[in-house]
N, C-alpha and C. Protein backbone atom coordinates (compact mmCIF):
# COMPACT_ATOMS: atom_id res chain seq x y z
N UNK A 1 -12.19 -17.72 -19.01
CA UNK A 1 -13.17 -17.22 -19.23
C UNK A 1 -13.34 -16.45 -20.52
N UNK A 2 -14.53 -16.62 -21.18
CA UNK A 2 -14.72 -15.73 -22.74
C UNK A 2 -14.74 -14.85 -22.18
N UNK A 3 -15.00 -13.77 -22.90
CA UNK A 3 -15.07 -12.21 -23.34
C UNK A 3 -16.03 -11.80 -22.89
N UNK A 4 -16.88 -11.23 -22.22
CA UNK A 4 -18.51 -11.09 -22.23
C UNK A 4 -18.75 -9.58 -22.41
N UNK A 5 -19.79 -9.36 -22.56
CA UNK A 5 -20.64 -8.04 -22.30
C UNK A 5 -19.96 -7.19 -21.33
N UNK A 6 -19.35 -6.26 -21.11
CA UNK A 6 -19.32 -5.26 -19.60
C UNK A 6 -20.45 -5.24 -19.04
N UNK A 7 -19.97 -5.98 -17.46
CA UNK A 7 -21.12 -5.04 -16.47
C UNK A 7 -21.25 -3.92 -15.49
N UNK A 8 -21.82 -3.07 -14.73
CA UNK A 8 -21.78 -2.13 -14.63
C UNK A 8 -21.29 -2.06 -12.99
N UNK A 9 -20.28 -1.68 -12.77
CA UNK A 9 -19.47 -2.24 -11.48
C UNK A 9 -18.65 -0.76 -11.17
N UNK A 10 -19.00 -1.07 -9.62
CA UNK A 10 -19.14 0.15 -8.87
C UNK A 10 -18.30 -0.24 -7.42
N UNK A 11 -16.40 0.76 -7.25
CA UNK A 11 -16.22 0.05 -6.14
C UNK A 11 -16.17 1.15 -5.10
N UNK A 12 -16.27 1.22 -4.45
CA UNK A 12 -16.68 2.73 -3.59
C UNK A 12 -15.17 2.21 -2.33
N UNK A 13 -13.82 2.44 -2.71
CA UNK A 13 -13.02 2.23 -1.14
C UNK A 13 -12.76 2.65 0.45
N UNK A 14 -13.31 2.00 1.35
CA UNK A 14 -13.50 2.20 2.80
C UNK A 14 -12.53 1.34 3.43
N UNK A 15 -11.32 1.55 3.00
CA UNK A 15 -9.68 0.76 4.22
C UNK A 15 -10.48 -0.68 3.76
N UNK A 16 -10.36 -1.33 4.53
CA UNK A 16 -10.78 -2.93 4.76
C UNK A 16 -11.81 -2.51 4.73
N UNK A 17 -12.88 -2.32 4.54
CA UNK A 17 -14.37 -2.36 3.87
C UNK A 17 -14.67 -1.70 3.25
N UNK A 18 -14.42 -1.85 1.64
CA UNK A 18 -14.46 -1.80 0.46
C UNK A 18 -15.62 -2.44 0.12
N UNK A 19 -16.57 -1.37 -0.56
CA UNK A 19 -17.85 -1.76 -1.48
C UNK A 19 -17.76 -1.93 -2.83
N UNK A 20 -17.71 -3.47 -3.21
CA UNK A 20 -17.73 -3.78 -4.61
C UNK A 20 -18.85 -4.41 -5.06
N UNK A 21 -19.73 -3.62 -6.30
CA UNK A 21 -20.74 -3.79 -6.87
C UNK A 21 -20.42 -4.47 -7.63
N UNK A 22 -21.36 -5.80 -8.89
CA UNK A 22 -21.26 -6.26 -10.10
C UNK A 22 -22.61 -6.14 -10.35
N UNK A 23 -22.93 -5.51 -11.59
CA UNK A 23 -24.48 -5.81 -12.03
C UNK A 23 -25.16 -5.02 -11.14
N UNK A 24 -24.60 -4.10 -9.89
CA UNK A 24 -25.84 -3.69 -8.87
C UNK A 24 -25.54 -4.90 -7.28
N UNK A 25 -25.08 -5.86 -7.58
CA UNK A 25 -24.72 -6.68 -6.08
C UNK A 25 -23.94 -6.98 -5.74
N UNK A 26 -23.97 -6.32 -4.29
CA UNK A 26 -22.88 -6.12 -3.47
C UNK A 26 -21.94 -7.37 -3.32
N UNK A 27 -20.63 -8.01 -3.38
CA UNK A 27 -19.99 -9.22 -3.75
C UNK A 27 -19.07 -8.59 -2.59
N UNK A 28 -18.67 -7.49 -2.28
CA UNK A 28 -17.43 -7.28 -1.11
C UNK A 28 -16.79 -7.96 -0.16
N UNK A 29 -18.00 -9.29 0.58
CA UNK A 29 -17.79 -9.75 1.70
C UNK A 29 -16.33 -11.02 0.80
N UNK A 30 -17.39 -11.54 -0.35
CA UNK A 30 -16.85 -12.50 -1.15
C UNK A 30 -15.40 -12.51 -2.13
N UNK A 31 -14.39 -11.11 -1.21
CA UNK A 31 -13.41 -11.08 -1.72
C UNK A 31 -11.76 -10.88 -1.09
N UNK A 32 -11.36 -11.63 -1.42
CA UNK A 32 -10.12 -10.98 -0.88
C UNK A 32 -9.15 -9.96 -1.65
N UNK A 33 -9.23 -10.03 -3.49
CA UNK A 33 -8.49 -8.87 -3.57
C UNK A 33 -9.28 -8.38 -4.98
N UNK A 34 -8.84 -7.33 -5.94
CA UNK A 34 -9.23 -7.09 -7.25
C UNK A 34 -8.22 -6.82 -8.22
N UNK A 35 -8.21 -6.74 -8.90
CA UNK A 35 -7.16 -5.14 -10.10
C UNK A 35 -8.61 -4.74 -11.19
N UNK A 36 -8.15 -3.36 -11.39
CA UNK A 36 -9.02 -2.96 -12.19
C UNK A 36 -7.76 -1.91 -13.31
N UNK A 37 -7.47 -3.05 -14.25
CA UNK A 37 -6.52 -2.02 -15.81
C UNK A 37 -7.57 -1.72 -16.75
N UNK A 38 -6.91 -1.02 -17.21
CA UNK A 38 -7.68 -0.27 -18.40
C UNK A 38 -6.12 0.00 -19.76
N UNK A 39 -7.23 -0.75 -20.79
CA UNK A 39 -5.83 -0.46 -22.38
C UNK A 39 -6.59 0.79 -22.53
N UNK A 40 -5.50 1.93 -23.37
CA UNK A 40 -6.20 2.45 -24.85
C UNK A 40 -6.89 1.90 -25.58
N UNK A 41 -8.05 2.50 -25.48
CA UNK A 41 -9.93 1.79 -26.43
C UNK A 41 -10.45 0.85 -25.96
N UNK A 42 -9.85 0.61 -25.04
CA UNK A 42 -11.17 -1.32 -25.21
C UNK A 42 -11.24 -0.89 -23.60
N UNK A 43 -12.65 -1.39 -22.78
CA UNK A 43 -13.28 -1.12 -21.63
C UNK A 43 -12.35 -1.43 -20.36
N UNK A 44 -12.47 -1.28 -19.22
CA UNK A 44 -11.31 -1.74 -18.42
C UNK A 44 -11.67 -2.91 -18.28
N UNK A 45 -10.65 -4.08 -17.59
CA UNK A 45 -10.85 -4.93 -16.91
C UNK A 45 -10.98 -5.34 -15.71
N UNK A 46 -11.60 -5.98 -14.80
CA UNK A 46 -11.44 -6.47 -13.86
C UNK A 46 -11.10 -8.00 -13.14
N UNK A 47 -10.17 -7.61 -12.55
CA UNK A 47 -10.05 -9.04 -11.72
C UNK A 47 -10.84 -9.67 -10.38
N UNK A 48 -11.07 -10.61 -10.26
CA UNK A 48 -11.59 -10.77 -8.80
C UNK A 48 -11.35 -11.83 -7.86
N UNK A 49 -10.17 -12.24 -6.93
CA UNK A 49 -10.06 -13.01 -6.51
C UNK A 49 -11.04 -13.14 -5.01
N UNK A 50 -11.87 -14.37 -5.52
CA UNK A 50 -12.47 -14.88 -4.17
C UNK A 50 -12.21 -15.31 -3.38
N UNK A 51 -12.74 -14.44 -1.88
CA UNK A 51 -12.39 -15.24 -0.79
C UNK A 51 -12.71 -14.29 0.16
N UNK A 52 -13.16 -14.78 1.50
CA UNK A 52 -14.41 -13.42 2.35
C UNK A 52 -13.21 -12.48 3.06
N UNK A 53 -12.56 -11.61 2.91
CA UNK A 53 -12.18 -10.19 2.76
C UNK A 53 -11.93 -9.65 2.17
N UNK A 54 -11.73 -8.63 1.38
CA UNK A 54 -11.11 -7.33 0.53
C UNK A 54 -10.63 -6.47 1.29
N UNK A 55 -9.42 -6.02 0.48
CA UNK A 55 -9.17 -4.21 0.96
C UNK A 55 -9.23 -3.63 -0.43
N UNK A 56 -9.47 -2.58 -0.33
CA UNK A 56 -9.76 -1.18 -1.26
C UNK A 56 -9.44 0.14 -0.48
N UNK A 57 -9.18 0.83 -1.89
CA UNK A 57 -9.27 2.42 -1.48
C UNK A 57 -9.63 2.22 -2.61
N UNK A 58 -10.12 4.34 -2.88
CA UNK A 58 -10.65 4.65 -4.05
C UNK A 58 -11.96 4.44 -4.81
N UNK A 59 -11.95 5.43 -5.16
CA UNK A 59 -13.98 4.86 -6.15
C UNK A 59 -13.90 4.80 -7.53
N UNK A 60 -14.40 3.60 -8.40
CA UNK A 60 -14.78 3.93 -10.20
C UNK A 60 -15.74 3.08 -9.80
N UNK A 61 -16.65 3.95 -10.93
CA UNK A 61 -18.32 3.55 -11.26
C UNK A 61 -18.14 3.80 -12.83
N UNK A 62 -18.31 2.37 -13.42
CA UNK A 62 -18.91 2.53 -14.97
C UNK A 62 -18.94 1.01 -14.80
N UNK A 63 -18.47 0.36 -16.58
CA UNK A 63 -18.67 -1.31 -17.40
C UNK A 63 -16.96 -1.51 -17.79
N UNK A 64 -17.16 -2.40 -16.93
CA UNK A 64 -15.77 -3.24 -17.26
C UNK A 64 -15.91 -4.38 -17.69
N UNK A 65 -15.16 -5.60 -17.99
CA UNK A 65 -15.12 -7.46 -18.15
C UNK A 65 -14.35 -7.16 -16.81
N UNK A 66 -15.66 -8.03 -16.14
CA UNK A 66 -15.13 -8.47 -15.36
C UNK A 66 -14.35 -10.24 -15.41
N UNK A 67 -13.22 -10.11 -14.60
CA UNK A 67 -13.24 -12.29 -14.85
C UNK A 67 -12.15 -12.49 -13.29
N UNK A 68 -12.75 -13.46 -13.27
CA UNK A 68 -13.17 -14.38 -11.92
C UNK A 68 -11.34 -14.71 -11.80
N UNK A 69 -10.79 -14.37 -10.77
CA UNK A 69 -8.98 -15.55 -11.50
C UNK A 69 -9.34 -16.21 -9.52
N UNK A 70 -7.95 -17.31 -10.12
CA UNK A 70 -7.82 -18.41 -9.15
C UNK A 70 -6.25 -17.70 -8.26
N UNK A 71 -6.07 -17.64 -7.52
CA UNK A 71 -4.40 -17.50 -7.14
C UNK A 71 -3.46 -17.81 -7.67
N UNK A 72 -2.63 -17.75 -8.11
CA UNK A 72 -1.58 -18.70 -8.35
C UNK A 72 -1.17 -19.54 -7.72
N UNK A 73 -0.88 -21.01 -8.71
CA UNK A 73 0.00 -21.89 -7.51
C UNK A 73 1.69 -21.74 -6.85
N UNK A 74 1.90 -21.75 -5.68
CA UNK A 74 3.04 -21.36 -5.70
C UNK A 74 4.05 -22.33 -5.72
N UNK A 75 3.97 -23.30 -5.84
CA UNK A 75 4.88 -25.06 -6.43
C UNK A 75 5.74 -24.60 -7.32
N UNK A 76 5.08 -24.07 -8.41
CA UNK A 76 6.40 -24.24 -9.44
C UNK A 76 7.25 -22.62 -9.49
N UNK A 77 6.52 -21.57 -8.52
CA UNK A 77 7.94 -21.44 -8.02
C UNK A 77 8.89 -21.25 -7.38
N UNK A 78 8.41 -21.18 -6.39
CA UNK A 78 8.87 -22.53 -4.73
C UNK A 78 9.81 -23.31 -5.53
N UNK A 79 9.25 -24.19 -6.76
CA UNK A 79 10.34 -25.28 -7.27
C UNK A 79 11.32 -24.47 -8.09
N UNK A 80 11.38 -23.46 -8.57
CA UNK A 80 12.00 -22.85 -9.35
C UNK A 80 13.18 -21.65 -8.95
N UNK A 81 12.55 -21.23 -7.48
CA UNK A 81 13.82 -20.69 -6.12
C UNK A 81 13.98 -21.95 -5.92
N UNK A 82 14.18 -23.26 -5.02
CA UNK A 82 14.60 -23.79 -4.54
C UNK A 82 16.16 -24.84 -5.99
N UNK A 83 15.38 -24.82 -7.53
CA UNK A 83 16.42 -24.94 -8.25
C UNK A 83 17.66 -24.13 -8.18
N UNK A 84 17.68 -23.30 -8.34
CA UNK A 84 19.48 -22.40 -7.98
C UNK A 84 19.51 -22.10 -6.38
N UNK A 85 19.46 -22.69 -6.10
CA UNK A 85 20.02 -22.32 -4.44
C UNK A 85 21.41 -23.33 -4.95
N UNK A 86 22.61 -23.14 -3.94
CA UNK A 86 23.27 -24.48 -4.33
C UNK A 86 23.57 -24.54 -2.49
N UNK A 87 23.46 -25.98 -2.81
CA UNK A 87 23.34 -27.06 -1.44
C UNK A 87 24.59 -26.43 -1.02
N UNK A 88 25.70 -26.38 -1.33
CA UNK A 88 26.52 -25.83 -0.36
C UNK A 88 26.91 -25.11 0.25
N UNK A 89 26.10 -23.58 -0.26
CA UNK A 89 26.39 -22.18 0.08
C UNK A 89 25.13 -21.80 0.86
N UNK A 90 24.03 -23.47 0.51
CA UNK A 90 23.03 -23.45 2.16
C UNK A 90 23.36 -23.61 3.34
N UNK A 91 24.06 -24.88 3.14
CA UNK A 91 24.96 -25.20 4.42
C UNK A 91 25.98 -24.25 5.15
N UNK A 92 27.01 -23.61 4.16
CA UNK A 92 27.85 -22.21 4.87
C UNK A 92 27.16 -21.57 5.52
N UNK A 93 25.85 -21.21 4.73
CA UNK A 93 25.38 -19.83 5.43
C UNK A 93 24.48 -20.45 6.63
N UNK A 94 23.92 -21.40 6.83
CA UNK A 94 23.66 -21.50 8.02
C UNK A 94 24.17 -21.85 8.83
N UNK A 95 25.07 -22.68 8.29
CA UNK A 95 26.10 -22.86 9.79
C UNK A 95 27.34 -21.27 10.35
N UNK A 96 26.90 -20.83 9.51
CA UNK A 96 27.09 -19.39 9.88
C UNK A 96 26.83 -18.65 10.36
N UNK A 97 25.44 -18.32 10.51
CA UNK A 97 24.23 -17.96 11.41
C UNK A 97 23.80 -18.23 12.56
N UNK A 98 24.71 -17.72 13.69
CA UNK A 98 25.40 -18.61 15.21
C UNK A 98 23.43 -17.68 15.38
N UNK A 99 23.04 -16.95 14.97
CA UNK A 99 21.74 -16.51 15.69
C UNK A 99 20.58 -17.50 15.31
N UNK A 100 20.36 -18.04 14.30
CA UNK A 100 19.63 -19.27 14.17
C UNK A 100 19.93 -20.83 14.67
N UNK A 101 21.24 -20.69 15.37
CA UNK A 101 21.86 -21.88 15.94
C UNK A 101 20.94 -22.01 17.90
N UNK A 102 21.04 -22.76 17.70
CA UNK A 102 20.31 -22.81 19.61
C UNK A 102 20.23 -24.17 20.87
N UNK A 103 20.86 -25.15 19.81
CA UNK A 103 21.31 -26.99 19.96
C UNK A 103 20.30 -27.79 20.23
N UNK A 104 18.90 -27.00 19.76
CA UNK A 104 17.43 -27.84 20.25
C UNK A 104 18.16 -28.77 19.16
N UNK A 105 16.91 -29.54 19.11
CA UNK A 105 16.63 -30.80 17.82
C UNK A 105 16.65 -30.16 16.47
N UNK A 106 16.77 -30.79 15.91
CA UNK A 106 16.73 -30.21 13.72
C UNK A 106 17.68 -28.77 13.72
N UNK A 107 18.48 -28.23 15.09
CA UNK A 107 18.60 -26.71 14.41
C UNK A 107 19.08 -26.47 13.17
N UNK A 108 20.35 -26.87 12.55
CA UNK A 108 20.87 -26.96 11.35
C UNK A 108 18.90 -26.47 10.07
N UNK A 109 18.61 -27.83 10.14
CA UNK A 109 17.99 -27.82 9.11
C UNK A 109 16.67 -26.88 9.48
N UNK A 110 16.66 -25.79 10.63
CA UNK A 110 15.45 -25.22 11.35
C UNK A 110 16.23 -23.90 10.40
N UNK A 111 17.55 -23.43 10.62
CA UNK A 111 18.44 -22.31 10.22
C UNK A 111 17.97 -22.29 8.95
N UNK A 112 18.45 -23.74 7.85
CA UNK A 112 18.33 -23.16 6.80
C UNK A 112 17.09 -22.93 6.19
N UNK A 113 15.83 -23.50 6.76
CA UNK A 113 14.48 -23.42 6.61
C UNK A 113 14.17 -22.03 6.55
N UNK A 114 15.02 -20.73 8.06
CA UNK A 114 14.49 -19.74 7.96
C UNK A 114 15.65 -18.97 7.59
N UNK A 115 16.42 -19.48 6.78
CA UNK A 115 17.45 -18.91 5.16
C UNK A 115 16.38 -18.62 4.67
N UNK A 116 15.98 -20.24 3.58
CA UNK A 116 15.29 -19.84 2.50
C UNK A 116 14.27 -19.06 2.75
N UNK A 117 13.37 -19.25 3.86
CA UNK A 117 12.46 -18.01 3.78
C UNK A 117 12.69 -16.72 3.21
N UNK A 118 14.28 -16.20 4.24
CA UNK A 118 14.50 -15.10 4.46
C UNK A 118 15.20 -14.23 2.71
N UNK A 119 15.43 -16.02 2.05
CA UNK A 119 16.14 -14.99 0.56
C UNK A 119 14.96 -15.43 -0.36
N UNK A 120 14.07 -15.98 0.28
CA UNK A 120 12.52 -15.91 -0.98
C UNK A 120 11.79 -14.92 -0.41
N UNK A 121 12.34 -14.01 0.63
CA UNK A 121 11.75 -12.30 0.54
C UNK A 121 13.11 -11.68 -0.33
N UNK A 122 14.04 -11.92 -0.47
CA UNK A 122 14.90 -11.04 -1.23
C UNK A 122 16.12 -10.51 -0.50
N UNK A 123 16.12 -10.90 1.16
CA UNK A 123 17.02 -10.64 2.23
C UNK A 123 18.12 -11.46 1.55
N UNK A 124 19.31 -11.37 0.93
CA UNK A 124 20.66 -12.54 0.96
C UNK A 124 21.04 -12.63 1.27
N UNK A 125 21.40 -11.27 2.10
CA UNK A 125 22.91 -11.09 3.85
C UNK A 125 23.62 -11.00 2.92
N UNK A 126 23.84 -10.75 1.21
CA UNK A 126 25.56 -10.68 0.76
C UNK A 126 26.04 -12.04 -0.02
N UNK A 127 24.63 -13.20 0.09
CA UNK A 127 25.01 -14.37 -0.37
C UNK A 127 24.06 -14.98 -1.72
N UNK A 128 23.47 -14.55 -2.88
CA UNK A 128 23.33 -14.86 -4.26
C UNK A 128 23.16 -15.54 -4.20
N UNK A 129 22.06 -16.58 -5.38
CA UNK A 129 21.91 -17.61 -5.36
C UNK A 129 22.93 -18.08 -6.90
N UNK A 130 22.94 -19.25 -6.26
CA UNK A 130 23.95 -19.74 -7.71
C UNK A 130 22.99 -21.55 -8.17
N UNK A 131 22.89 -21.91 -9.38
CA UNK A 131 22.79 -22.97 -9.92
C UNK A 131 22.77 -24.42 -8.86
N UNK A 132 22.38 -24.57 -8.38
CA UNK A 132 22.27 -25.53 -7.33
C UNK A 132 22.96 -26.67 -8.05
N UNK A 133 23.64 -27.09 -6.74
CA UNK A 133 24.73 -28.24 -7.01
C UNK A 133 24.38 -29.89 -7.39
């Protein structure tokens, strides 16, 4: 989106019911998130993510460049994460996690998916990712 003249922005944090106005128009119901940054000597930049809800705290009132952004596609990050997982280590870790094995169909696959979720959240449990085999 090309840069434009700064728009008047007003943010009043009220927990999950923050009031966010751009150019005098309340856009609070249309937001999932926003970020407000400023480089020295430049107008603040506000990035908004459109969605039915917003969460914010604090108050800001002034001029800012407003940029409407989309949430990033998680696919490339997921692919990069999975590419460093060693299949042998994943299988070994899943078979060692008896708390994930319940004797039901597909238990190994469910255990592997549970481990991948944990690992994606940084919960390695002593196993660090390696280059895939």
